[in-house]
């Protein structure tokens, strides 16, 4: 009986060590090394109501010969709090700057918060843009969102070029789009490595 108990303890200990090793390995991995299944495919279109009460159809936004930055977030996301001021900074840059350079279109999508919570969040962080409401989480499911924040970069042809899992900044968005434009044939591995460089320089 004692021998069997000892074997069971040893076996359980080995399983625990393997499990902990896998957990530590996973935590050390950049989530962007697991690319979205949408990369290289046409961005799924959808219709959703924004916080101004308007129905927005992304078919009217995609394929307009400019980049689209699609940012998913939620109020329970800790990282989204530090990202929020950068998102507003980016939005103001692309909407208030009056030069003739084509700028990305920005779409903010909240997952499952009610309108009151979204507006309170925006007031707290000084955000001035309308937010699309994914109240049932169906849009995030179509995009394969596994956590927030996640940001999708959609090119002027309506193709998803990359998904960034984690926090972004205004400079990162502009610099990353610039890199993607210059390297249209880059592999996902090359883009992920480039993102590291862009992030460190942004």
N, C-alpha and C. Protein backbone atom coordinates (compact mmCIF):
# COMPACT_ATOMS: atom_id res chain seq x y z
N UNK A 1 0.83 -1.21 0.00
CA UNK A 1 0.00 0.00 0.00
C UNK A 1 0.86 1.26 0.00
N UNK A 2 1.91 1.25 0.85
CA UNK A 2 2.78 2.40 0.93
C UNK A 2 3.51 2.64 -0.39
N UNK A 3 3.90 1.53 -1.06
CA UNK A 3 4.60 1.66 -2.34
C UNK A 3 3.69 2.31 -3.38
N UNK A 4 2.43 1.89 -3.38
CA UNK A 4 1.48 2.46 -4.34
C UNK A 4 1.27 3.94 -4.08
N UNK A 5 1.17 4.31 -2.80
CA UNK A 5 1.01 5.73 -2.45
C UNK A 5 2.22 6.54 -2.89
N UNK A 6 3.41 5.94 -2.72
CA UNK A 6 4.63 6.64 -3.11
C UNK A 6 4.68 6.85 -4.62
N UNK A 7 4.28 5.82 -5.36
CA UNK A 7 4.27 5.92 -6.82
C UNK A 7 3.28 6.99 -7.28
N UNK A 8 2.14 7.02 -6.60
CA UNK A 8 1.12 8.01 -6.95
C UNK A 8 1.62 9.43 -6.70
N UNK A 9 2.31 9.62 -5.58
CA UNK A 9 2.86 10.94 -5.25
C UNK A 9 3.92 11.37 -6.25
N UNK A 10 4.79 10.41 -6.62
CA UNK A 10 5.84 10.71 -7.60
C UNK A 10 5.23 11.07 -8.94
N UNK A 11 4.24 10.29 -9.36
CA UNK A 11 3.58 10.54 -10.64
C UNK A 11 2.88 11.90 -10.63
N UNK A 12 2.19 12.20 -9.52
CA UNK A 12 1.51 13.50 -9.40
C UNK A 12 2.51 14.64 -9.42
N UNK A 13 3.66 14.43 -8.78
CA UNK A 13 4.70 15.46 -8.76
C UNK A 13 5.25 15.73 -10.15
N UNK A 14 5.44 14.67 -10.94
CA UNK A 14 5.95 14.82 -12.31
C UNK A 14 4.94 15.59 -13.16
N UNK A 15 3.66 15.24 -13.04
CA UNK A 15 2.61 15.92 -13.80
C UNK A 15 2.56 17.40 -13.43
N UNK A 16 2.70 17.70 -12.13
CA UNK A 16 2.67 19.08 -11.67
C UNK A 16 3.84 19.88 -12.23
N UNK A 17 5.03 19.26 -12.25
CA UNK A 17 6.21 19.93 -12.79
C UNK A 17 6.04 20.23 -14.28
N UNK A 18 5.51 19.26 -15.02
CA UNK A 18 5.29 19.45 -16.45
C UNK A 18 4.29 20.58 -16.68
N UNK A 19 3.20 20.57 -15.90
CA UNK A 19 2.16 21.59 -16.04
C UNK A 19 2.71 22.99 -15.75
N UNK A 20 3.47 23.10 -14.66
CA UNK A 20 4.04 24.40 -14.29
C UNK A 20 5.04 24.88 -15.34
N UNK A 21 5.81 23.96 -15.89
CA UNK A 21 6.78 24.32 -16.94
C UNK A 21 6.08 24.87 -18.17
N UNK A 22 4.96 24.22 -18.54
CA UNK A 22 4.20 24.68 -19.70
C UNK A 22 3.58 26.04 -19.44
N UNK A 23 3.11 26.25 -18.21
CA UNK A 23 2.52 27.54 -17.86
C UNK A 23 3.55 28.66 -17.94
N UNK A 24 4.74 28.40 -17.39
CA UNK A 24 5.81 29.40 -17.41
C UNK A 24 6.22 29.70 -18.84
N UNK A 25 6.32 28.66 -19.67
CA UNK A 25 6.69 28.84 -21.08
C UNK A 25 5.66 29.69 -21.80
N UNK A 26 4.36 29.39 -21.54
CA UNK A 26 3.29 30.13 -22.22
C UNK A 26 3.29 31.59 -21.83
N UNK A 27 3.53 31.86 -20.55
CA UNK A 27 3.54 33.24 -20.07
C UNK A 27 4.67 34.05 -20.69
N UNK A 28 5.76 33.37 -21.03
CA UNK A 28 6.91 34.07 -21.59
C UNK A 28 6.76 34.34 -23.08
N UNK A 29 5.79 33.66 -23.72
CA UNK A 29 5.63 33.80 -25.16
C UNK A 29 4.85 35.06 -25.51
N UNK A 30 5.27 35.70 -26.56
CA UNK A 30 4.54 36.85 -27.08
C UNK A 30 3.27 36.32 -27.76
N UNK A 31 2.08 36.77 -27.33
CA UNK A 31 0.84 36.26 -27.94
C UNK A 31 0.76 36.55 -29.43
N UNK A 32 1.55 37.51 -29.91
CA UNK A 32 1.53 37.82 -31.34
C UNK A 32 2.23 36.75 -32.18
N UNK A 33 2.92 35.82 -31.53
CA UNK A 33 3.51 34.72 -32.28
C UNK A 33 2.46 33.68 -32.67
N UNK A 34 1.25 33.85 -32.14
CA UNK A 34 0.13 33.01 -32.54
C UNK A 34 -0.79 33.87 -33.39
N UNK A 35 -0.51 33.94 -34.70
CA UNK A 35 -1.23 34.88 -35.56
C UNK A 35 -2.71 34.56 -35.68
N UNK A 36 -3.49 35.60 -35.92
CA UNK A 36 -4.92 35.42 -36.15
C UNK A 36 -5.14 34.61 -37.43
N UNK A 37 -6.19 33.79 -37.40
CA UNK A 37 -6.54 33.00 -38.59
C UNK A 37 -7.07 33.88 -39.71
N UNK A 38 -7.38 35.13 -39.40
CA UNK A 38 -7.90 36.05 -40.42
C UNK A 38 -6.81 36.70 -41.25
N UNK A 39 -5.57 36.63 -40.78
CA UNK A 39 -4.48 37.30 -41.49
C UNK A 39 -4.39 36.77 -42.92
N UNK A 40 -4.38 37.71 -43.87
CA UNK A 40 -4.32 37.35 -45.29
C UNK A 40 -5.69 37.14 -45.90
N UNK A 41 -6.75 37.27 -45.08
CA UNK A 41 -8.11 37.07 -45.58
C UNK A 41 -8.90 38.39 -45.53
N UNK A 42 -10.01 38.39 -46.22
CA UNK A 42 -10.87 39.58 -46.23
C UNK A 42 -11.45 39.81 -44.83
N UNK A 43 -11.41 41.05 -44.37
CA UNK A 43 -11.92 41.38 -43.04
C UNK A 43 -13.44 41.17 -43.01
N UNK A 44 -13.95 40.44 -42.03
CA UNK A 44 -15.40 40.24 -41.93
C UNK A 44 -16.12 41.57 -41.71
N UNK A 45 -17.13 41.81 -42.50
CA UNK A 45 -17.92 43.04 -42.32
C UNK A 45 -19.04 42.78 -41.32
N UNK A 46 -19.56 43.84 -40.75
CA UNK A 46 -20.62 43.70 -39.75
C UNK A 46 -21.35 45.02 -39.62
N UNK A 47 -22.52 44.96 -38.99
CA UNK A 47 -23.31 46.16 -38.70
C UNK A 47 -23.48 46.23 -37.19
N UNK A 48 -23.24 47.41 -36.62
CA UNK A 48 -23.38 47.58 -35.17
C UNK A 48 -23.79 49.01 -34.87
N UNK A 49 -24.43 49.20 -33.74
CA UNK A 49 -24.82 50.54 -33.30
C UNK A 49 -23.71 51.15 -32.48
N UNK A 50 -23.45 52.44 -32.69
CA UNK A 50 -22.43 53.11 -31.88
C UNK A 50 -23.08 53.89 -30.75
N UNK A 51 -22.26 54.48 -29.92
CA UNK A 51 -22.76 55.18 -28.74
C UNK A 51 -23.47 56.48 -29.07
N UNK A 52 -23.48 56.86 -30.35
CA UNK A 52 -24.27 58.02 -30.79
C UNK A 52 -25.62 57.60 -31.35
N UNK A 53 -25.89 56.28 -31.29
CA UNK A 53 -27.17 55.77 -31.77
C UNK A 53 -27.23 55.51 -33.26
N UNK A 54 -26.08 55.55 -33.93
CA UNK A 54 -26.05 55.32 -35.38
C UNK A 54 -25.71 53.87 -35.68
N UNK A 55 -26.34 53.32 -36.73
CA UNK A 55 -25.96 51.99 -37.21
C UNK A 55 -24.80 52.14 -38.19
N UNK A 56 -23.71 51.49 -37.90
CA UNK A 56 -22.52 51.56 -38.75
C UNK A 56 -22.34 50.24 -39.48
N UNK A 57 -22.22 50.33 -40.80
CA UNK A 57 -21.97 49.15 -41.63
C UNK A 57 -20.53 49.25 -42.14
N UNK A 58 -19.70 48.30 -41.73
CA UNK A 58 -18.28 48.39 -42.10
C UNK A 58 -18.05 48.18 -43.59
N UNK A 59 -19.05 47.70 -44.31
CA UNK A 59 -18.91 47.61 -45.77
C UNK A 59 -18.71 49.01 -46.36
N UNK A 60 -19.23 50.01 -45.66
CA UNK A 60 -19.07 51.39 -46.13
C UNK A 60 -17.72 51.97 -45.73
N UNK A 61 -16.95 51.21 -44.94
CA UNK A 61 -15.66 51.70 -44.45
C UNK A 61 -14.49 50.94 -45.06
N UNK A 62 -14.61 49.61 -45.12
CA UNK A 62 -13.57 48.81 -45.74
C UNK A 62 -13.53 49.11 -47.24
N UNK A 63 -12.43 48.85 -47.86
CA UNK A 63 -12.25 49.04 -49.31
C UNK A 63 -12.40 50.49 -49.75
N UNK A 64 -12.07 51.41 -48.86
CA UNK A 64 -12.14 52.83 -49.21
C UNK A 64 -10.75 53.40 -49.51
N UNK A 65 -9.84 52.52 -49.87
CA UNK A 65 -8.49 52.93 -50.27
C UNK A 65 -7.72 53.56 -49.11
N UNK A 66 -8.02 53.15 -47.89
CA UNK A 66 -7.22 53.59 -46.76
C UNK A 66 -7.18 52.48 -45.71
N UNK A 67 -6.23 52.57 -44.81
CA UNK A 67 -6.10 51.57 -43.76
C UNK A 67 -7.20 51.75 -42.71
N UNK A 68 -7.57 50.63 -42.10
CA UNK A 68 -8.54 50.66 -41.01
C UNK A 68 -7.89 50.02 -39.79
N UNK A 69 -7.99 50.70 -38.66
CA UNK A 69 -7.47 50.19 -37.39
C UNK A 69 -8.68 49.84 -36.52
N UNK A 70 -8.83 48.55 -36.25
CA UNK A 70 -9.98 48.02 -35.52
C UNK A 70 -9.52 47.61 -34.13
N UNK A 71 -9.97 48.34 -33.12
CA UNK A 71 -9.49 48.13 -31.75
C UNK A 71 -10.60 47.59 -30.85
N UNK A 72 -10.40 46.37 -30.33
CA UNK A 72 -11.35 45.75 -29.41
C UNK A 72 -10.91 46.01 -27.97
N UNK A 73 -11.85 46.40 -27.11
CA UNK A 73 -11.52 46.66 -25.72
C UNK A 73 -12.71 46.36 -24.81
N UNK A 74 -12.48 46.37 -23.52
CA UNK A 74 -13.55 46.15 -22.54
C UNK A 74 -13.19 46.87 -21.25
N UNK A 75 -14.19 47.23 -20.46
CA UNK A 75 -13.94 48.01 -19.26
C UNK A 75 -13.25 47.20 -18.15
N UNK A 76 -13.36 45.87 -18.21
CA UNK A 76 -12.71 45.03 -17.19
C UNK A 76 -11.26 44.73 -17.52
N UNK A 77 -10.79 45.27 -18.64
CA UNK A 77 -9.41 45.03 -19.10
C UNK A 77 -8.47 46.06 -18.46
N UNK A 78 -7.51 45.56 -17.67
CA UNK A 78 -6.56 46.44 -16.99
C UNK A 78 -5.65 47.15 -17.99
N UNK A 79 -5.16 46.41 -18.98
CA UNK A 79 -4.25 46.99 -19.99
C UNK A 79 -4.95 48.08 -20.78
N UNK A 80 -6.26 47.93 -21.00
CA UNK A 80 -7.01 48.93 -21.77
C UNK A 80 -6.97 50.29 -21.10
N UNK A 81 -6.80 50.30 -19.78
CA UNK A 81 -6.78 51.58 -19.05
C UNK A 81 -5.55 52.40 -19.42
N UNK A 82 -4.41 51.75 -19.52
CA UNK A 82 -3.19 52.48 -19.88
C UNK A 82 -3.15 52.77 -21.39
N UNK A 83 -3.89 51.98 -22.16
CA UNK A 83 -3.95 52.19 -23.61
C UNK A 83 -4.89 53.34 -23.97
N UNK A 84 -5.89 53.59 -23.13
CA UNK A 84 -6.96 54.55 -23.45
C UNK A 84 -6.47 55.94 -23.86
N UNK A 85 -5.54 56.57 -23.14
CA UNK A 85 -5.07 57.90 -23.56
C UNK A 85 -4.37 57.88 -24.91
N UNK A 86 -3.64 56.80 -25.21
CA UNK A 86 -2.95 56.70 -26.50
C UNK A 86 -3.96 56.55 -27.63
N UNK A 87 -5.04 55.84 -27.38
CA UNK A 87 -6.09 55.67 -28.39
C UNK A 87 -6.71 57.02 -28.72
N UNK A 88 -6.99 57.82 -27.68
CA UNK A 88 -7.56 59.16 -27.91
C UNK A 88 -6.57 60.04 -28.66
N UNK A 89 -5.30 59.94 -28.31
CA UNK A 89 -4.25 60.72 -28.97
C UNK A 89 -4.19 60.37 -30.45
N UNK A 90 -4.26 59.08 -30.76
CA UNK A 90 -4.26 58.63 -32.15
C UNK A 90 -5.49 59.17 -32.88
N UNK A 91 -6.67 59.04 -32.24
CA UNK A 91 -7.91 59.49 -32.87
C UNK A 91 -7.85 60.98 -33.20
N UNK A 92 -7.38 61.78 -32.26
CA UNK A 92 -7.29 63.22 -32.50
C UNK A 92 -6.32 63.55 -33.63
N UNK A 93 -5.24 62.78 -33.70
CA UNK A 93 -4.25 63.01 -34.75
C UNK A 93 -4.84 62.78 -36.13
N UNK A 94 -5.62 61.71 -36.27
CA UNK A 94 -6.16 61.37 -37.60
C UNK A 94 -7.40 62.18 -37.95
N UNK A 95 -8.07 62.76 -36.97
CA UNK A 95 -9.29 63.51 -37.29
C UNK A 95 -9.10 65.02 -37.31
N UNK A 96 -8.19 65.52 -36.49
CA UNK A 96 -8.03 66.97 -36.39
C UNK A 96 -6.92 67.53 -37.26
N UNK A 97 -6.00 66.67 -37.67
CA UNK A 97 -4.91 67.13 -38.53
C UNK A 97 -5.46 67.40 -39.92
N UNK A 98 -5.22 68.57 -40.46
CA UNK A 98 -5.88 68.98 -41.71
C UNK A 98 -5.01 68.82 -42.95
N UNK A 99 -3.87 68.12 -42.83
CA UNK A 99 -3.05 67.97 -44.04
C UNK A 99 -3.73 66.99 -44.99
N UNK A 100 -3.17 66.87 -46.17
CA UNK A 100 -3.82 66.06 -47.22
C UNK A 100 -3.37 64.61 -47.25
N UNK A 101 -2.55 64.22 -46.30
CA UNK A 101 -2.07 62.84 -46.28
C UNK A 101 -3.21 61.92 -45.84
N UNK A 102 -3.37 60.79 -46.54
CA UNK A 102 -4.41 59.84 -46.15
C UNK A 102 -4.08 59.24 -44.79
N UNK A 103 -5.08 59.19 -43.94
CA UNK A 103 -4.86 58.69 -42.59
C UNK A 103 -5.73 57.46 -42.36
N UNK A 104 -5.33 56.61 -41.45
CA UNK A 104 -6.13 55.41 -41.16
C UNK A 104 -7.50 55.78 -40.59
N UNK A 105 -8.47 54.94 -40.87
CA UNK A 105 -9.78 55.06 -40.24
C UNK A 105 -9.76 54.26 -38.95
N UNK A 106 -10.26 54.86 -37.89
CA UNK A 106 -10.23 54.19 -36.59
C UNK A 106 -11.63 53.73 -36.19
N UNK A 107 -11.73 52.46 -35.77
CA UNK A 107 -12.99 51.90 -35.29
C UNK A 107 -12.75 51.30 -33.91
N UNK A 108 -13.47 51.81 -32.94
CA UNK A 108 -13.38 51.30 -31.57
C UNK A 108 -14.57 50.38 -31.31
N UNK A 109 -14.29 49.17 -30.82
CA UNK A 109 -15.35 48.20 -30.55
C UNK A 109 -15.27 47.74 -29.10
N UNK A 110 -16.33 47.99 -28.37
CA UNK A 110 -16.40 47.52 -26.98
C UNK A 110 -17.11 46.18 -26.93
N UNK A 111 -16.58 45.29 -26.11
CA UNK A 111 -17.15 43.95 -25.99
C UNK A 111 -17.99 43.86 -24.72
N UNK A 112 -19.30 43.76 -24.89
CA UNK A 112 -20.27 43.35 -23.87
C UNK A 112 -20.52 44.34 -22.72
N UNK A 113 -19.95 45.52 -22.72
CA UNK A 113 -20.34 46.52 -21.72
C UNK A 113 -21.63 47.21 -22.18
N UNK A 114 -22.41 47.73 -21.22
CA UNK A 114 -23.59 48.49 -21.62
C UNK A 114 -23.17 49.92 -21.97
N UNK A 115 -24.10 50.64 -22.59
CA UNK A 115 -23.78 51.98 -23.08
C UNK A 115 -23.35 52.92 -21.95
N UNK A 116 -24.02 52.83 -20.80
CA UNK A 116 -23.69 53.69 -19.67
C UNK A 116 -22.24 53.48 -19.23
N UNK A 117 -21.83 52.23 -19.15
CA UNK A 117 -20.46 51.91 -18.72
C UNK A 117 -19.44 52.43 -19.73
N UNK A 118 -19.78 52.33 -21.02
CA UNK A 118 -18.87 52.80 -22.07
C UNK A 118 -18.70 54.32 -21.97
N UNK A 119 -19.81 55.03 -21.82
CA UNK A 119 -19.75 56.49 -21.76
C UNK A 119 -19.03 56.97 -20.49
N UNK A 120 -19.22 56.26 -19.40
CA UNK A 120 -18.50 56.62 -18.16
C UNK A 120 -17.01 56.41 -18.34
N UNK A 121 -16.66 55.31 -18.99
CA UNK A 121 -15.24 55.03 -19.29
C UNK A 121 -14.65 56.15 -20.13
N UNK A 122 -15.35 56.53 -21.18
CA UNK A 122 -14.84 57.57 -22.07
C UNK A 122 -14.71 58.92 -21.36
N UNK A 123 -15.65 59.22 -20.49
CA UNK A 123 -15.56 60.46 -19.73
C UNK A 123 -14.35 60.45 -18.80
N UNK A 124 -14.11 59.30 -18.17
CA UNK A 124 -12.98 59.18 -17.25
C UNK A 124 -11.64 59.33 -17.96
N UNK A 125 -11.58 58.86 -19.23
CA UNK A 125 -10.31 58.88 -19.96
C UNK A 125 -10.27 59.95 -21.05
N UNK A 126 -11.28 60.82 -21.07
CA UNK A 126 -11.27 61.94 -22.02
C UNK A 126 -11.36 61.52 -23.46
N UNK A 127 -12.05 60.42 -23.74
CA UNK A 127 -12.17 59.94 -25.12
C UNK A 127 -13.37 60.60 -25.81
N UNK A 128 -13.17 60.99 -27.06
CA UNK A 128 -14.19 61.76 -27.77
C UNK A 128 -14.79 61.05 -28.98
N UNK A 129 -14.36 59.84 -29.27
CA UNK A 129 -14.85 59.13 -30.45
C UNK A 129 -16.05 58.24 -30.08
N UNK A 130 -16.86 57.94 -31.10
CA UNK A 130 -17.98 57.02 -30.91
C UNK A 130 -17.45 55.59 -30.82
N UNK A 131 -18.12 54.76 -30.06
CA UNK A 131 -17.71 53.37 -29.86
C UNK A 131 -18.81 52.44 -30.37
N UNK A 132 -18.43 51.46 -31.17
CA UNK A 132 -19.39 50.44 -31.60
C UNK A 132 -19.60 49.45 -30.46
N UNK A 133 -20.84 49.03 -30.26
CA UNK A 133 -21.19 48.14 -29.17
C UNK A 133 -21.37 46.71 -29.66
N UNK A 134 -20.48 45.84 -29.19
CA UNK A 134 -20.60 44.41 -29.48
C UNK A 134 -21.23 43.75 -28.25
N UNK A 135 -22.51 44.06 -28.04
CA UNK A 135 -23.18 43.69 -26.79
C UNK A 135 -23.26 42.18 -26.57
N UNK A 136 -23.39 41.43 -27.65
CA UNK A 136 -23.50 39.97 -27.52
C UNK A 136 -22.18 39.26 -27.79
N UNK A 137 -21.14 40.02 -28.12
CA UNK A 137 -19.84 39.42 -28.38
C UNK A 137 -19.72 38.72 -29.72
N UNK A 138 -20.69 38.94 -30.61
CA UNK A 138 -20.70 38.23 -31.89
C UNK A 138 -19.61 38.73 -32.84
N UNK A 139 -19.34 40.05 -32.79
CA UNK A 139 -18.29 40.60 -33.67
C UNK A 139 -16.93 40.06 -33.24
N UNK A 140 -16.68 40.05 -31.95
CA UNK A 140 -15.39 39.56 -31.45
C UNK A 140 -15.22 38.08 -31.78
N UNK A 141 -16.30 37.33 -31.77
CA UNK A 141 -16.23 35.91 -32.16
C UNK A 141 -15.83 35.79 -33.62
N UNK A 142 -16.42 36.61 -34.48
CA UNK A 142 -16.10 36.56 -35.91
C UNK A 142 -14.63 36.89 -36.16
N UNK A 143 -14.08 37.75 -35.31
CA UNK A 143 -12.68 38.14 -35.46
C UNK A 143 -11.73 37.26 -34.64
N UNK A 144 -12.29 36.31 -33.91
CA UNK A 144 -11.44 35.40 -33.15
C UNK A 144 -10.72 36.06 -32.00
N UNK A 145 -11.33 37.09 -31.43
CA UNK A 145 -10.71 37.81 -30.31
C UNK A 145 -10.67 36.91 -29.08
N UNK A 146 -9.49 36.77 -28.49
CA UNK A 146 -9.33 35.90 -27.32
C UNK A 146 -9.13 36.69 -26.04
N UNK A 147 -8.90 37.98 -26.16
CA UNK A 147 -8.70 38.84 -24.98
C UNK A 147 -8.63 40.28 -25.44
N UNK A 148 -8.63 41.18 -24.47
CA UNK A 148 -8.54 42.60 -24.83
C UNK A 148 -7.34 43.23 -24.13
N UNK A 149 -6.73 44.25 -24.75
CA UNK A 149 -7.08 44.78 -26.07
C UNK A 149 -6.48 43.95 -27.21
N UNK A 150 -7.17 43.95 -28.32
CA UNK A 150 -6.65 43.38 -29.57
C UNK A 150 -6.95 44.38 -30.68
N UNK A 151 -5.98 44.56 -31.56
CA UNK A 151 -6.11 45.54 -32.64
C UNK A 151 -5.80 44.89 -33.97
N UNK A 152 -6.71 45.06 -34.92
CA UNK A 152 -6.55 44.50 -36.27
C UNK A 152 -6.20 45.61 -37.25
N UNK A 153 -5.24 45.31 -38.12
CA UNK A 153 -4.81 46.25 -39.15
C UNK A 153 -5.31 45.73 -40.49
N UNK A 154 -6.22 46.51 -41.09
CA UNK A 154 -6.86 46.11 -42.34
C UNK A 154 -6.38 47.04 -43.45
N UNK A 155 -5.85 46.46 -44.51
CA UNK A 155 -5.23 47.28 -45.55
C UNK A 155 -6.28 47.89 -46.49
N UNK A 156 -5.85 48.76 -47.42
CA UNK A 156 -6.81 49.43 -48.31
C UNK A 156 -7.60 48.49 -49.21
N UNK A 157 -7.18 47.24 -49.31
CA UNK A 157 -7.92 46.25 -50.10
C UNK A 157 -8.88 45.43 -49.24
N UNK A 158 -9.02 45.82 -47.97
CA UNK A 158 -9.94 45.12 -47.09
C UNK A 158 -9.41 43.82 -46.54
N UNK A 159 -8.08 43.63 -46.61
CA UNK A 159 -7.45 42.39 -46.15
C UNK A 159 -6.82 42.61 -44.77
N UNK A 160 -7.05 41.66 -43.87
CA UNK A 160 -6.43 41.73 -42.55
C UNK A 160 -4.95 41.42 -42.69
N UNK A 161 -4.12 42.39 -42.35
CA UNK A 161 -2.67 42.20 -42.48
C UNK A 161 -2.02 41.71 -41.18
N UNK A 162 -2.60 42.10 -40.06
CA UNK A 162 -2.00 41.66 -38.80
C UNK A 162 -2.95 41.95 -37.64
N UNK A 163 -2.76 41.22 -36.56
CA UNK A 163 -3.48 41.48 -35.31
C UNK A 163 -2.46 41.64 -34.19
N UNK A 164 -2.56 42.74 -33.48
CA UNK A 164 -1.69 42.93 -32.32
C UNK A 164 -2.47 42.60 -31.06
N UNK A 165 -1.98 41.64 -30.29
CA UNK A 165 -2.57 41.32 -29.00
C UNK A 165 -1.78 42.09 -27.95
N UNK A 166 -2.47 42.97 -27.22
CA UNK A 166 -1.78 43.77 -26.21
C UNK A 166 -1.86 45.25 -26.52
N UNK A 167 -1.21 46.01 -25.68
CA UNK A 167 -1.31 47.47 -25.74
C UNK A 167 -0.64 48.05 -26.97
N UNK A 168 -1.27 49.11 -27.52
CA UNK A 168 -0.70 49.84 -28.65
C UNK A 168 -0.59 51.31 -28.26
N UNK A 169 0.12 52.07 -29.08
CA UNK A 169 0.25 53.51 -28.87
C UNK A 169 0.07 54.21 -30.21
N UNK A 170 -0.09 55.53 -30.15
CA UNK A 170 -0.26 56.30 -31.38
C UNK A 170 0.93 56.10 -32.32
N UNK A 171 2.13 56.25 -31.81
CA UNK A 171 3.32 56.13 -32.66
C UNK A 171 3.47 54.73 -33.21
N UNK A 172 3.15 53.72 -32.39
CA UNK A 172 3.25 52.35 -32.86
C UNK A 172 2.31 52.13 -34.04
N UNK A 173 1.09 52.63 -33.95
CA UNK A 173 0.12 52.45 -35.04
C UNK A 173 0.66 53.03 -36.34
N UNK A 174 1.10 54.28 -36.31
CA UNK A 174 1.60 54.93 -37.53
C UNK A 174 2.86 54.24 -38.06
N UNK A 175 3.79 53.92 -37.18
CA UNK A 175 5.04 53.30 -37.61
C UNK A 175 4.82 51.88 -38.13
N UNK A 176 3.89 51.16 -37.51
CA UNK A 176 3.63 49.79 -37.94
C UNK A 176 2.94 49.76 -39.30
N UNK A 177 1.98 50.66 -39.51
CA UNK A 177 1.33 50.73 -40.82
C UNK A 177 2.34 51.09 -41.90
N UNK A 178 3.23 52.02 -41.57
CA UNK A 178 4.28 52.41 -42.52
C UNK A 178 5.13 51.20 -42.90
N UNK A 179 5.48 50.38 -41.91
CA UNK A 179 6.29 49.19 -42.19
C UNK A 179 5.51 48.20 -43.05
N UNK A 180 4.24 47.99 -42.72
CA UNK A 180 3.42 47.05 -43.48
C UNK A 180 3.28 47.49 -44.94
N UNK A 181 3.16 48.79 -45.16
CA UNK A 181 3.04 49.30 -46.53
C UNK A 181 4.31 49.05 -47.33
N UNK A 182 5.45 49.16 -46.66
CA UNK A 182 6.73 48.96 -47.34
C UNK A 182 7.07 47.48 -47.53
N UNK A 183 6.39 46.61 -46.80
CA UNK A 183 6.71 45.18 -46.85
C UNK A 183 5.44 44.35 -47.06
N UNK A 184 4.80 44.52 -48.22
CA UNK A 184 3.51 43.85 -48.45
C UNK A 184 3.61 42.33 -48.54
N UNK A 185 4.80 41.80 -48.83
CA UNK A 185 4.95 40.35 -48.99
C UNK A 185 5.59 39.67 -47.79
N UNK A 186 5.74 40.39 -46.69
CA UNK A 186 6.40 39.82 -45.51
C UNK A 186 5.59 38.66 -44.93
N UNK A 187 6.30 37.66 -44.43
CA UNK A 187 5.64 36.55 -43.76
C UNK A 187 5.19 36.99 -42.37
N UNK A 188 4.33 36.21 -41.75
CA UNK A 188 3.86 36.57 -40.41
C UNK A 188 5.00 36.57 -39.40
N UNK A 189 5.95 35.67 -39.57
CA UNK A 189 7.11 35.65 -38.68
C UNK A 189 7.92 36.94 -38.82
N UNK A 190 8.10 37.38 -40.08
CA UNK A 190 8.84 38.61 -40.32
C UNK A 190 8.10 39.83 -39.76
N UNK A 191 6.77 39.83 -39.90
CA UNK A 191 5.98 40.94 -39.38
C UNK A 191 6.06 40.99 -37.85
N UNK A 192 5.99 39.82 -37.23
CA UNK A 192 6.05 39.76 -35.77
C UNK A 192 7.39 40.26 -35.26
N UNK A 193 8.46 39.89 -35.94
CA UNK A 193 9.79 40.38 -35.54
C UNK A 193 9.89 41.89 -35.76
N UNK A 194 9.29 42.35 -36.87
CA UNK A 194 9.31 43.79 -37.15
C UNK A 194 8.52 44.55 -36.10
N UNK A 195 7.43 43.96 -35.64
CA UNK A 195 6.61 44.60 -34.61
C UNK A 195 7.43 44.85 -33.34
N UNK A 196 8.28 43.90 -32.99
CA UNK A 196 9.12 44.08 -31.81
C UNK A 196 10.02 45.31 -31.97
N UNK A 197 10.59 45.46 -33.17
CA UNK A 197 11.47 46.60 -33.43
C UNK A 197 10.68 47.89 -33.41
N UNK A 198 9.51 47.87 -34.08
CA UNK A 198 8.67 49.06 -34.13
C UNK A 198 8.23 49.46 -32.72
N UNK A 199 7.86 48.47 -31.92
CA UNK A 199 7.41 48.76 -30.56
C UNK A 199 8.52 49.40 -29.71
N UNK A 200 9.73 48.89 -29.85
CA UNK A 200 10.83 49.42 -29.07
C UNK A 200 11.23 50.82 -29.51
N UNK A 201 10.92 51.17 -30.78
CA UNK A 201 11.29 52.50 -31.29
C UNK A 201 10.13 53.49 -31.26
N UNK A 202 8.98 53.05 -30.76
CA UNK A 202 7.80 53.93 -30.79
C UNK A 202 7.51 54.52 -29.41
